[in-house]
Protein backbone atom coordinates (compact mmCIF):
# COMPACT_ATOMS: atom_id res chain seq x y z
CA MET A 1 86.98 100.56 90.86
CA ARG A 2 90.26 102.46 91.17
CA PRO A 3 90.49 104.94 94.01
CA LYS A 4 90.07 108.49 93.13
CA ALA A 5 93.22 110.59 92.14
CA GLY A 6 94.50 112.66 94.91
CA ALA A 7 92.26 110.98 97.54
CA ARG A 8 95.24 109.85 99.51
CA ALA A 9 98.91 110.62 98.79
CA THR A 10 101.37 107.80 98.89
CA SER A 11 104.99 107.13 98.34
CA LEU A 12 106.12 103.86 96.76
CA ARG A 13 109.49 102.82 98.44
CA ARG A 14 110.96 99.82 96.58
CA GLY A 15 107.50 98.32 96.01
CA SER A 16 105.73 99.24 99.25
CA LEU A 17 102.74 101.72 99.75
CA ARG A 18 103.45 104.28 102.47
CA PRO A 19 101.86 107.64 103.29
CA ALA A 20 103.64 110.68 101.81
CA PRO A 21 103.10 114.28 102.86
CA VAL A 22 100.70 116.39 100.85
CA GLY A 23 102.59 119.15 99.15
CA SER A 24 101.22 122.75 98.80
CA GLY A 25 103.32 123.75 95.81
CA SER A 26 106.04 123.11 93.35
CA ALA A 27 109.08 124.91 91.79
CA THR A 28 106.76 126.45 89.14
CA GLY A 29 104.45 127.73 91.76
CA ALA A 30 101.63 125.39 91.00
CA ALA A 31 99.67 123.88 93.95
CA THR A 32 100.34 120.21 94.02
CA ASN A 33 99.66 117.02 95.92
CA LEU A 34 102.64 114.56 96.12
CA LEU A 35 101.61 111.22 94.76
CA LEU A 36 104.83 109.43 94.42
CA GLU A 37 108.43 109.69 95.47
CA THR A 38 110.58 106.65 95.05
CA PHE A 39 113.66 105.10 93.50
CA SER A 40 113.65 102.29 90.79
CA ARG A 41 116.74 100.07 90.51
CA SER A 42 115.87 98.29 87.21
CA PRO A 43 113.60 98.61 84.22
CA GLU A 44 111.56 95.69 85.54
CA GLU A 45 110.89 97.65 88.75
CA THR A 46 109.95 100.79 86.80
CA ILE A 47 107.33 98.89 84.83
CA ARG A 48 105.97 97.38 88.11
CA LEU A 49 105.74 100.83 89.70
CA GLY A 50 103.83 102.07 86.64
CA ARG A 51 101.50 99.21 87.05
CA GLU A 52 100.76 100.05 90.67
CA PHE A 53 100.64 103.89 90.20
CA ILE A 54 98.09 103.85 87.41
CA GLN A 55 95.68 102.19 89.80
CA ARG A 56 95.44 105.33 91.74
CA LEU A 57 94.09 107.53 88.86
CA ASP A 58 90.84 107.75 87.07
CA PRO A 59 89.99 109.11 83.63
CA PRO A 60 90.06 111.75 82.19
CA CYS A 61 93.59 112.17 83.06
CA LEU A 62 96.69 113.80 81.41
CA ILE A 63 100.07 112.44 82.57
CA LEU A 64 103.02 114.52 81.72
CA LEU A 65 106.17 112.52 81.76
CA GLU A 66 109.44 114.65 82.20
CA GLY A 67 113.03 113.72 82.19
CA GLU A 68 116.29 113.35 80.08
CA LEU A 69 116.55 110.85 77.21
CA GLY A 70 116.79 107.36 78.55
CA SER A 71 115.56 108.27 81.95
CA GLY A 72 112.71 105.70 82.04
CA LYS A 73 109.58 107.45 80.51
CA THR A 74 108.80 104.85 77.91
CA VAL A 75 109.54 101.97 80.40
CA PHE A 76 107.17 103.52 82.90
CA THR A 77 104.45 103.96 80.22
CA LYS A 78 104.70 100.22 79.56
CA GLY A 79 103.65 99.68 83.16
CA LEU A 80 100.86 102.32 82.96
CA VAL A 81 99.29 100.93 79.82
CA ALA A 82 99.63 97.23 80.99
CA GLY A 83 98.23 98.15 84.46
CA LEU A 84 95.14 99.49 82.74
CA GLY A 85 94.78 96.28 80.63
CA ALA A 86 94.82 98.33 77.50
CA ALA A 87 97.89 96.54 75.86
CA ARG A 88 100.61 94.08 76.92
CA GLU A 89 104.07 95.47 78.00
CA GLU A 90 105.69 94.36 74.72
CA GLU A 91 103.11 96.05 72.63
CA VAL A 92 104.02 99.49 74.12
CA SER A 93 106.74 101.52 72.29
CA SER A 94 107.50 105.11 72.07
CA PRO A 95 105.64 106.85 69.06
CA SER A 96 108.58 108.96 68.19
CA PHE A 97 107.76 109.16 64.44
CA THR A 98 103.78 108.55 64.47
CA LEU A 99 103.73 110.94 67.59
CA VAL A 100 100.61 109.27 68.97
CA HIS A 101 99.79 105.60 69.68
CA GLU A 102 96.18 104.67 70.66
CA TYR A 103 95.72 101.58 72.98
CA GLY A 104 92.39 100.19 74.10
CA PRO A 105 90.76 96.90 75.41
CA ALA A 106 89.87 95.58 72.03
CA ARG A 107 93.59 95.78 71.11
CA ALA A 108 94.88 94.36 74.31
CA LYS A 109 93.82 90.73 73.05
CA GLY A 110 96.59 90.64 70.41
CA LEU A 111 96.01 93.37 67.79
CA GLY A 112 98.45 95.68 69.35
CA SER A 113 98.41 99.51 69.25
CA ARG A 114 96.81 101.74 66.70
CA GLN A 115 99.11 104.37 65.24
CA VAL A 116 97.04 107.56 65.18
CA GLY A 117 99.68 109.94 63.95
CA ARG A 118 99.08 113.57 63.21
CA GLY A 119 95.82 115.39 62.65
CA LEU A 120 93.29 114.07 65.12
CA ARG A 121 90.89 116.96 64.53
CA GLY A 122 87.64 116.87 62.72
CA ALA A 123 85.04 114.25 61.77
CA GLY A 124 86.36 110.88 60.83
CA SER A 125 89.34 111.04 63.21
CA PRO A 126 89.81 108.36 65.82
CA ALA A 127 89.27 111.06 68.64
CA ALA A 128 86.07 112.21 66.99
CA GLU A 129 84.59 108.75 66.24
CA SER A 130 85.44 106.97 69.45
CA SER A 131 83.84 107.49 72.82
CA ALA A 132 87.41 106.76 74.01
CA THR A 133 86.02 104.82 77.12
CA GLY A 134 88.90 102.77 78.41
CA ARG A 135 91.28 104.19 75.77
CA VAL A 136 94.78 105.24 76.33
CA TYR A 137 96.67 107.78 74.13
CA HIS A 138 100.52 107.71 74.25
CA VAL A 139 102.08 110.86 72.92
CA ASP A 140 105.69 111.57 72.26
CA LEU A 141 106.65 115.24 71.74
CA TYR A 142 110.43 114.65 71.30
CA ARG A 143 110.44 115.65 67.61
CA VAL A 144 107.88 118.44 67.98
CA GLU A 145 109.45 121.85 67.92
CA SER A 146 107.09 124.30 66.15
CA PRO A 147 103.64 125.70 66.91
CA ARG A 148 102.31 124.21 63.79
CA GLU A 149 103.36 120.82 64.72
CA MET A 150 101.80 121.04 68.03
CA GLU A 151 98.55 122.23 66.56
CA THR A 152 98.21 119.48 64.03
CA LEU A 153 98.24 116.81 66.82
CA GLY A 154 94.82 117.80 67.87
CA LEU A 155 95.70 117.39 71.54
CA GLU A 156 92.68 119.49 72.57
CA ASP A 157 90.42 116.85 71.17
CA LEU A 158 92.04 114.26 73.21
CA PHE A 159 91.71 116.43 76.42
CA ALA A 160 87.93 116.18 75.98
CA GLN A 161 87.87 112.38 75.93
CA PRO A 162 87.19 110.32 78.91
CA ALA A 163 90.67 108.71 78.46
CA PHE A 164 94.26 108.58 79.69
CA ILE A 165 96.68 110.76 77.86
CA ILE A 166 100.29 109.87 78.49
CA VAL A 167 102.75 112.47 77.16
CA GLU A 168 106.49 111.79 77.04
CA TRP A 169 108.48 115.09 76.95
CA GLY A 170 105.71 116.63 78.82
CA GLU A 171 107.87 119.70 79.34
CA LYS A 172 106.93 120.88 75.88
CA LEU A 173 103.20 120.38 76.58
CA ALA A 174 103.57 122.01 79.94
CA ALA A 175 104.81 125.15 78.12
CA ALA A 176 101.63 125.08 76.10
CA LEU A 177 99.52 124.64 79.07
CA ARG A 178 101.39 127.25 80.92
CA LEU A 179 102.09 124.95 83.83
CA GLY A 180 101.66 126.64 87.13
CA SER A 181 98.53 128.54 86.14
CA LEU A 182 96.40 125.80 84.42
CA ARG A 183 92.79 126.79 84.26
CA PRO A 184 89.72 125.11 82.78
CA ALA A 185 88.42 126.05 79.42
CA GLY A 186 86.01 129.10 79.63
CA ALA A 187 87.64 130.40 82.90
CA GLY A 188 88.89 133.98 83.18
CA SER A 189 92.13 134.92 81.67
CA GLY A 190 93.88 136.00 84.75
CA SER A 191 97.78 136.51 84.68
CA PRO A 192 99.33 133.17 84.09
CA THR A 193 102.97 132.60 84.54
CA GLU A 194 104.60 132.59 81.22
CA SER A 195 106.56 129.46 80.18
CA ALA A 196 110.35 129.45 79.50
CA THR A 197 109.29 128.16 76.08
CA PRO A 198 106.64 130.61 74.95
CA ARG A 199 106.66 129.70 71.19
CA ILE A 200 104.10 126.99 71.66
CA PRO A 201 100.51 128.59 71.73
CA PRO A 202 98.52 128.03 74.96
CA PHE A 203 95.90 125.42 75.15
CA ASP A 204 92.71 125.41 77.22
CA VAL A 205 92.09 122.57 79.56
CA ALA A 206 88.91 120.57 79.54
CA GLN A 207 86.87 120.91 82.79
CA GLY A 208 87.56 117.84 85.05
CA LEU A 209 90.74 116.81 83.45
CA ARG A 210 93.03 115.49 86.09
CA ARG A 211 96.67 116.60 85.56
CA VAL A 212 99.64 114.54 86.77
CA ARG A 213 103.33 115.41 86.36
CA VAL A 214 105.95 112.62 86.67
CA ARG A 215 109.62 113.47 86.74
CA PHE A 216 112.47 111.05 86.11
CA GLU A 217 116.03 111.65 87.19
CA HIS A 218 119.15 109.50 86.69
CA ALA A 219 120.40 108.35 90.18
CA GLY A 220 122.96 105.86 88.96
CA PRO A 221 123.78 103.36 86.01
CA GLU A 222 120.27 101.76 86.38
CA ALA A 223 118.68 103.71 89.17
CA ARG A 224 116.05 106.44 88.65
CA LYS A 225 114.36 108.81 91.07
CA ILE A 226 110.69 109.05 90.11
CA THR A 227 108.43 111.87 91.53
CA ALA A 228 104.69 112.27 90.71
CA GLU A 229 102.50 115.22 91.57
CA MET A 230 98.80 115.91 90.98
CA LEU A 231 98.49 119.40 89.76
CA LEU A 232 95.67 121.34 91.46
CA GLY A 233 93.64 124.47 90.50
């Protein structure tokens, strides 16, 4: 069984596990635990770090991947999905046009990923029919710009599943979630901090959904700085 997320903060330094300080906040004002702070020198190392990092997390878990184009988000996702045994590294690609890929144990034996695409809501949808146990949903929001496009993805249905939801271009979803003042569904409205991108309508967050933000920064031709935080509260 994988250790519980947030039970012990660590820092991966070129493949080694070392204790890392527990953070009390972030630039957005959200309370956070620092889970990972390291540099990757190659795509192969980024994949390996993803494989190691996912062992620290348990579903249900939302993983927001943030960073510029080509910073390593999809490469890291290959490691995350492969580390869960949901698919092989070569089966994982960015769902830029289908928007959502679904991976699971049954497809890890050679059937590849399932292209879920738009419109997960309602009876008959993969999210509605499946218990999602052991499932991984890989979302790419690069081409999503309007509130209507965000709504048709049915992401709130995914949030209710006991699954891993990995979101590339997580900055856009963070705007919808009002990152920095996330609250479970049914909680009081309060006075959340408004996003810099308010055009996306806010989503409620399912009770018990773990939220992790992973930031990728260019640090050279092949080098990347990778920082991961558990969002609290």
